[in-house]
Amino acid sequence: MEELFQDIKYYIDLRIKRFKLNMVDNLSAFCSRAISLTAFLLMLLLAMLTLTGALVAAVALWIGSLIWAFVIVGGFYLIAALLFYLLRDRLFTGGMVRTFSRMFFENNSNDTEGDDEED
């Protein structure tokens, strides 16, 4: 009976260790993706600022007024932001749910395999 108790305790300890390792793996993948996405978005922002300056200069040459060029480009960005806001659920919710579920639950078929392996 004592041996059975020790085996159960050992099995539970192994499952806890496995859970911790899976969480570390998933969290490190999440953090890596978050850092990569942040760096990409910062570079994209820098490019957008540069292109916005060029667009304002081009529109100013075309219409002859720098102030109205800023208003036109700013209006374009306001319309784009409004569309982005209205479509936010369709653009993000489904994709984020799929990404997180794939990241956290892709190894479910492997959870039952190898339970009898020892460290």
N, C-alpha and C. Protein backbone atom coordinates (compact mmCIF):
# COMPACT_ATOMS: atom_id res chain seq x y z
N MET A 1 0.82 -1.19 0.00
CA MET A 1 0.00 0.00 0.00
C MET A 1 0.87 1.25 0.00
N GLU A 2 1.94 1.20 0.78
CA GLU A 2 2.86 2.33 0.86
C GLU A 2 3.50 2.60 -0.51
N GLU A 3 3.82 1.53 -1.23
CA GLU A 3 4.43 1.68 -2.56
C GLU A 3 3.46 2.34 -3.54
N LEU A 4 2.19 1.99 -3.46
CA LEU A 4 1.17 2.59 -4.30
C LEU A 4 1.05 4.08 -4.00
N PHE A 5 1.07 4.45 -2.72
CA PHE A 5 1.02 5.84 -2.33
C PHE A 5 2.22 6.61 -2.87
N GLN A 6 3.41 6.04 -2.80
CA GLN A 6 4.62 6.68 -3.32
C GLN A 6 4.53 6.84 -4.84
N ASP A 7 4.01 5.84 -5.53
CA ASP A 7 3.85 5.94 -6.99
C ASP A 7 2.87 7.03 -7.38
N ILE A 8 1.78 7.14 -6.63
CA ILE A 8 0.80 8.19 -6.92
C ILE A 8 1.41 9.56 -6.67
N LYS A 9 2.13 9.68 -5.58
CA LYS A 9 2.78 10.96 -5.27
C LYS A 9 3.81 11.31 -6.35
N TYR A 10 4.57 10.34 -6.80
CA TYR A 10 5.57 10.56 -7.85
C TYR A 10 4.88 10.97 -9.15
N TYR A 11 3.77 10.32 -9.48
CA TYR A 11 3.02 10.64 -10.70
C TYR A 11 2.49 12.07 -10.64
N ILE A 12 1.93 12.46 -9.50
CA ILE A 12 1.41 13.83 -9.35
C ILE A 12 2.54 14.85 -9.47
N ASP A 13 3.69 14.56 -8.85
CA ASP A 13 4.83 15.46 -8.96
C ASP A 13 5.29 15.61 -10.41
N LEU A 14 5.30 14.50 -11.14
CA LEU A 14 5.68 14.57 -12.56
C LEU A 14 4.70 15.41 -13.37
N ARG A 15 3.41 15.25 -13.10
CA ARG A 15 2.40 16.03 -13.82
C ARG A 15 2.54 17.51 -13.51
N ILE A 16 2.84 17.86 -12.26
CA ILE A 16 3.03 19.26 -11.89
C ILE A 16 4.26 19.82 -12.59
N LYS A 17 5.35 19.07 -12.62
CA LYS A 17 6.56 19.52 -13.32
C LYS A 17 6.28 19.71 -14.81
N ARG A 18 5.54 18.78 -15.38
CA ARG A 18 5.22 18.87 -16.81
C ARG A 18 4.36 20.10 -17.08
N PHE A 19 3.40 20.37 -16.22
CA PHE A 19 2.56 21.55 -16.37
C PHE A 19 3.40 22.82 -16.30
N LYS A 20 4.31 22.88 -15.34
CA LYS A 20 5.18 24.05 -15.20
C LYS A 20 6.05 24.24 -16.44
N LEU A 21 6.61 23.15 -16.95
CA LEU A 21 7.43 23.25 -18.16
C LEU A 21 6.61 23.71 -19.36
N ASN A 22 5.39 23.19 -19.50
CA ASN A 22 4.53 23.63 -20.59
C ASN A 22 4.19 25.11 -20.46
N MET A 23 3.94 25.57 -19.25
CA MET A 23 3.64 26.99 -19.05
C MET A 23 4.84 27.86 -19.37
N VAL A 24 6.03 27.44 -18.96
CA VAL A 24 7.24 28.20 -19.29
C VAL A 24 7.42 28.25 -20.80
N ASP A 25 7.21 27.13 -21.47
CA ASP A 25 7.34 27.09 -22.92
C ASP A 25 6.34 28.02 -23.59
N ASN A 26 5.08 27.95 -23.17
CA ASN A 26 4.05 28.80 -23.77
C ASN A 26 4.27 30.28 -23.46
N LEU A 27 4.65 30.60 -22.24
CA LEU A 27 4.88 31.99 -21.89
C LEU A 27 6.11 32.56 -22.59
N SER A 28 7.15 31.75 -22.75
CA SER A 28 8.32 32.25 -23.46
C SER A 28 7.99 32.47 -24.94
N ALA A 29 7.18 31.59 -25.53
CA ALA A 29 6.77 31.79 -26.92
C ALA A 29 5.90 33.04 -27.04
N PHE A 30 5.00 33.24 -26.08
CA PHE A 30 4.16 34.43 -26.10
C PHE A 30 4.99 35.70 -25.96
N CYS A 31 5.93 35.72 -25.02
CA CYS A 31 6.77 36.90 -24.83
C CYS A 31 7.64 37.18 -26.05
N SER A 32 8.15 36.12 -26.65
CA SER A 32 8.96 36.29 -27.85
C SER A 32 8.13 36.89 -28.98
N ARG A 33 6.92 36.40 -29.16
CA ARG A 33 6.05 36.96 -30.20
C ARG A 33 5.67 38.39 -29.88
N ALA A 34 5.42 38.69 -28.62
CA ALA A 34 5.05 40.05 -28.23
C ALA A 34 6.19 41.03 -28.47
N ILE A 35 7.40 40.64 -28.15
CA ILE A 35 8.56 41.51 -28.37
C ILE A 35 8.80 41.70 -29.86
N SER A 36 8.69 40.64 -30.64
CA SER A 36 8.86 40.76 -32.09
C SER A 36 7.79 41.65 -32.70
N LEU A 37 6.56 41.47 -32.26
CA LEU A 37 5.47 42.30 -32.78
C LEU A 37 5.66 43.76 -32.40
N THR A 38 6.10 44.02 -31.18
CA THR A 38 6.33 45.39 -30.74
C THR A 38 7.43 46.05 -31.58
N ALA A 39 8.53 45.34 -31.81
CA ALA A 39 9.60 45.89 -32.64
C ALA A 39 9.11 46.15 -34.06
N PHE A 40 8.35 45.22 -34.62
CA PHE A 40 7.81 45.40 -35.96
C PHE A 40 6.90 46.61 -36.02
N LEU A 41 6.03 46.77 -35.02
CA LEU A 41 5.10 47.89 -35.01
C LEU A 41 5.82 49.23 -34.85
N LEU A 42 6.90 49.25 -34.07
CA LEU A 42 7.67 50.49 -33.95
C LEU A 42 8.34 50.86 -35.27
N MET A 43 8.87 49.87 -35.97
CA MET A 43 9.47 50.16 -37.28
C MET A 43 8.42 50.59 -38.29
N LEU A 44 7.24 49.96 -38.21
CA LEU A 44 6.15 50.34 -39.09
C LEU A 44 5.69 51.77 -38.80
N LEU A 45 5.63 52.13 -37.53
CA LEU A 45 5.26 53.49 -37.15
C LEU A 45 6.26 54.50 -37.69
N LEU A 46 7.54 54.20 -37.58
CA LEU A 46 8.56 55.09 -38.11
C LEU A 46 8.42 55.26 -39.62
N ALA A 47 8.17 54.17 -40.31
CA ALA A 47 7.98 54.23 -41.76
C ALA A 47 6.73 55.04 -42.10
N MET A 48 5.66 54.84 -41.34
CA MET A 48 4.42 55.59 -41.60
C MET A 48 4.60 57.09 -41.36
N LEU A 49 5.37 57.44 -40.34
CA LEU A 49 5.63 58.87 -40.10
C LEU A 49 6.42 59.49 -41.25
N THR A 50 7.41 58.76 -41.73
CA THR A 50 8.21 59.26 -42.84
C THR A 50 7.36 59.39 -44.10
N LEU A 51 6.57 58.36 -44.39
CA LEU A 51 5.71 58.41 -45.57
C LEU A 51 4.63 59.48 -45.44
N THR A 52 4.15 59.72 -44.23
CA THR A 52 3.17 60.78 -44.02
C THR A 52 3.77 62.14 -44.33
N GLY A 53 4.99 62.37 -43.89
CA GLY A 53 5.67 63.62 -44.20
C GLY A 53 5.83 63.81 -45.70
N ALA A 54 6.20 62.73 -46.39
CA ALA A 54 6.35 62.81 -47.84
C ALA A 54 5.00 63.06 -48.52
N LEU A 55 3.95 62.40 -48.02
CA LEU A 55 2.62 62.58 -48.59
C LEU A 55 2.12 64.01 -48.38
N VAL A 56 2.35 64.57 -47.20
CA VAL A 56 1.96 65.95 -46.93
C VAL A 56 2.71 66.89 -47.86
N ALA A 57 4.00 66.66 -48.05
CA ALA A 57 4.78 67.52 -48.95
C ALA A 57 4.26 67.42 -50.38
N ALA A 58 3.92 66.21 -50.83
CA ALA A 58 3.41 66.02 -52.19
C ALA A 58 2.05 66.69 -52.37
N VAL A 59 1.16 66.54 -51.39
CA VAL A 59 -0.16 67.16 -51.48
C VAL A 59 -0.02 68.68 -51.42
N ALA A 60 0.91 69.18 -50.60
CA ALA A 60 1.13 70.62 -50.51
C ALA A 60 1.61 71.18 -51.85
N LEU A 61 2.47 70.46 -52.54
CA LEU A 61 2.91 70.91 -53.87
C LEU A 61 1.75 70.86 -54.86
N TRP A 62 0.90 69.87 -54.72
CA TRP A 62 -0.21 69.69 -55.65
C TRP A 62 -1.28 70.76 -55.47
N ILE A 63 -1.65 71.06 -54.19
CA ILE A 63 -2.73 72.02 -53.97
C ILE A 63 -2.22 73.42 -53.63
N GLY A 64 -0.97 73.55 -53.28
CA GLY A 64 -0.39 74.86 -53.03
C GLY A 64 -0.52 75.37 -51.60
N SER A 65 -0.99 74.56 -50.66
CA SER A 65 -1.14 75.00 -49.28
C SER A 65 -0.69 73.89 -48.34
N LEU A 66 0.28 74.22 -47.51
CA LEU A 66 0.80 73.24 -46.57
C LEU A 66 -0.23 72.89 -45.50
N ILE A 67 -0.94 73.90 -45.02
CA ILE A 67 -1.94 73.67 -43.96
C ILE A 67 -3.05 72.75 -44.46
N TRP A 68 -3.58 73.00 -45.67
CA TRP A 68 -4.63 72.15 -46.20
C TRP A 68 -4.11 70.75 -46.52
N ALA A 69 -2.85 70.64 -46.85
CA ALA A 69 -2.27 69.32 -47.08
C ALA A 69 -2.28 68.50 -45.78
N PHE A 70 -1.92 69.16 -44.67
CA PHE A 70 -1.99 68.47 -43.37
C PHE A 70 -3.42 68.08 -43.03
N VAL A 71 -4.38 68.96 -43.32
CA VAL A 71 -5.79 68.67 -43.04
C VAL A 71 -6.27 67.48 -43.88
N ILE A 72 -5.92 67.45 -45.15
CA ILE A 72 -6.34 66.37 -46.03
C ILE A 72 -5.75 65.04 -45.58
N VAL A 73 -4.46 65.00 -45.31
CA VAL A 73 -3.83 63.76 -44.87
C VAL A 73 -4.35 63.35 -43.50
N GLY A 74 -4.54 64.31 -42.60
CA GLY A 74 -5.12 64.00 -41.29
C GLY A 74 -6.54 63.46 -41.40
N GLY A 75 -7.32 64.02 -42.30
CA GLY A 75 -8.68 63.51 -42.54
C GLY A 75 -8.65 62.09 -43.07
N PHE A 76 -7.72 61.81 -43.96
CA PHE A 76 -7.57 60.44 -44.46
C PHE A 76 -7.26 59.48 -43.32
N TYR A 77 -6.37 59.88 -42.42
CA TYR A 77 -6.04 59.03 -41.27
C TYR A 77 -7.22 58.88 -40.31
N LEU A 78 -8.03 59.93 -40.14
CA LEU A 78 -9.22 59.82 -39.29
C LEU A 78 -10.23 58.84 -39.88
N ILE A 79 -10.43 58.88 -41.18
CA ILE A 79 -11.34 57.93 -41.83
C ILE A 79 -10.80 56.51 -41.70
N ALA A 80 -9.50 56.33 -41.90
CA ALA A 80 -8.89 55.01 -41.76
C ALA A 80 -9.02 54.51 -40.33
N ALA A 81 -8.83 55.39 -39.35
CA ALA A 81 -8.96 55.00 -37.94
C ALA A 81 -10.40 54.63 -37.61
N LEU A 82 -11.37 55.35 -38.16
CA LEU A 82 -12.77 55.04 -37.93
C LEU A 82 -13.12 53.66 -38.51
N LEU A 83 -12.67 53.39 -39.72
CA LEU A 83 -12.90 52.07 -40.32
C LEU A 83 -12.24 50.97 -39.50
N PHE A 84 -11.03 51.23 -39.07
CA PHE A 84 -10.30 50.27 -38.24
C PHE A 84 -11.06 49.99 -36.95
N TYR A 85 -11.60 51.03 -36.33
CA TYR A 85 -12.35 50.87 -35.09
C TYR A 85 -13.63 50.07 -35.32
N LEU A 86 -14.32 50.37 -36.41
CA LEU A 86 -15.57 49.67 -36.70
C LEU A 86 -15.36 48.19 -37.03
N LEU A 87 -14.20 47.85 -37.59
CA LEU A 87 -13.91 46.47 -37.98
C LEU A 87 -13.01 45.74 -36.99
N ARG A 88 -12.79 46.32 -35.82
CA ARG A 88 -11.83 45.75 -34.87
C ARG A 88 -12.19 44.34 -34.43
N ASP A 89 -13.47 44.05 -34.20
CA ASP A 89 -13.85 42.70 -33.77
C ASP A 89 -13.57 41.68 -34.86
N ARG A 90 -13.91 42.01 -36.08
CA ARG A 90 -13.70 41.09 -37.18
C ARG A 90 -12.21 40.89 -37.46
N LEU A 91 -11.42 41.94 -37.29
CA LEU A 91 -9.99 41.86 -37.60
C LEU A 91 -9.19 41.13 -36.53
N PHE A 92 -9.55 41.32 -35.26
CA PHE A 92 -8.68 40.84 -34.18
C PHE A 92 -9.22 39.68 -33.38
N THR A 93 -10.46 39.70 -33.00
CA THR A 93 -10.97 38.73 -32.04
C THR A 93 -10.79 37.30 -32.52
N GLY A 94 -11.24 36.97 -33.72
CA GLY A 94 -11.13 35.60 -34.22
C GLY A 94 -9.69 35.14 -34.36
N GLY A 95 -8.84 36.01 -34.89
CA GLY A 95 -7.43 35.65 -35.07
C GLY A 95 -6.70 35.46 -33.76
N MET A 96 -7.00 36.31 -32.78
CA MET A 96 -6.34 36.18 -31.49
C MET A 96 -6.79 34.92 -30.77
N VAL A 97 -8.08 34.61 -30.85
CA VAL A 97 -8.57 33.39 -30.21
C VAL A 97 -7.91 32.17 -30.84
N ARG A 98 -7.84 32.14 -32.18
CA ARG A 98 -7.20 31.01 -32.86
C ARG A 98 -5.72 30.91 -32.48
N THR A 99 -5.02 32.04 -32.44
CA THR A 99 -3.60 32.02 -32.11
C THR A 99 -3.35 31.51 -30.70
N PHE A 100 -4.10 32.04 -29.72
CA PHE A 100 -3.90 31.62 -28.33
C PHE A 100 -4.32 30.17 -28.13
N SER A 101 -5.42 29.76 -28.76
CA SER A 101 -5.84 28.36 -28.58
C SER A 101 -4.84 27.41 -29.22
N ARG A 102 -4.29 27.78 -30.36
CA ARG A 102 -3.27 26.94 -31.00
C ARG A 102 -2.01 26.89 -30.14
N MET A 103 -1.64 28.05 -29.55
CA MET A 103 -0.41 28.12 -28.78
C MET A 103 -0.54 27.33 -27.47
N PHE A 104 -1.69 27.39 -26.81
CA PHE A 104 -1.82 26.75 -25.51
C PHE A 104 -2.38 25.34 -25.57
N PHE A 105 -3.04 24.97 -26.65
CA PHE A 105 -3.69 23.67 -26.69
C PHE A 105 -3.20 22.77 -27.82
N GLU A 106 -2.13 23.15 -28.51
CA GLU A 106 -1.67 22.33 -29.63
C GLU A 106 -1.05 21.02 -29.17
N ASN A 107 -0.61 20.93 -27.93
CA ASN A 107 0.05 19.72 -27.43
C ASN A 107 -0.90 18.80 -26.68
N ASN A 108 -2.20 18.98 -26.80
CA ASN A 108 -3.15 18.13 -26.07
C ASN A 108 -3.03 16.67 -26.45
N SER A 109 -2.72 16.38 -27.71
CA SER A 109 -2.61 14.98 -28.11
C SER A 109 -1.36 14.34 -27.50
N ASN A 110 -0.38 15.13 -27.13
CA ASN A 110 0.84 14.60 -26.54
C ASN A 110 0.77 14.51 -25.02
N ASP A 111 -0.28 15.08 -24.40
CA ASP A 111 -0.36 15.08 -22.94
C ASP A 111 -0.53 13.69 -22.37
N THR A 112 -1.19 12.81 -23.09
CA THR A 112 -1.42 11.47 -22.56
C THR A 112 -0.32 10.51 -22.94
N GLU A 113 0.49 10.87 -23.93
CA GLU A 113 1.58 10.01 -24.34
C GLU A 113 2.75 10.20 -23.40
N GLY A 114 3.44 9.16 -23.09
CA GLY A 114 4.66 9.26 -22.31
C GLY A 114 4.45 9.52 -20.84
N ASP A 115 3.23 9.28 -20.32
CA ASP A 115 3.00 9.50 -18.90
C ASP A 115 3.78 8.52 -18.03
N ASP A 116 4.12 7.37 -18.58
CA ASP A 116 4.82 6.38 -17.79
C ASP A 116 6.34 6.54 -17.88
N GLU A 117 6.79 7.60 -18.59
CA GLU A 117 8.23 7.82 -18.68
C GLU A 117 8.72 8.45 -17.39
N GLU A 118 9.95 8.15 -17.03
CA GLU A 118 10.54 8.70 -15.83
C GLU A 118 11.69 9.60 -16.20
N ASP A 119 11.97 10.60 -15.33
CA ASP A 119 13.09 11.53 -15.56
C ASP A 119 14.41 10.88 -15.24
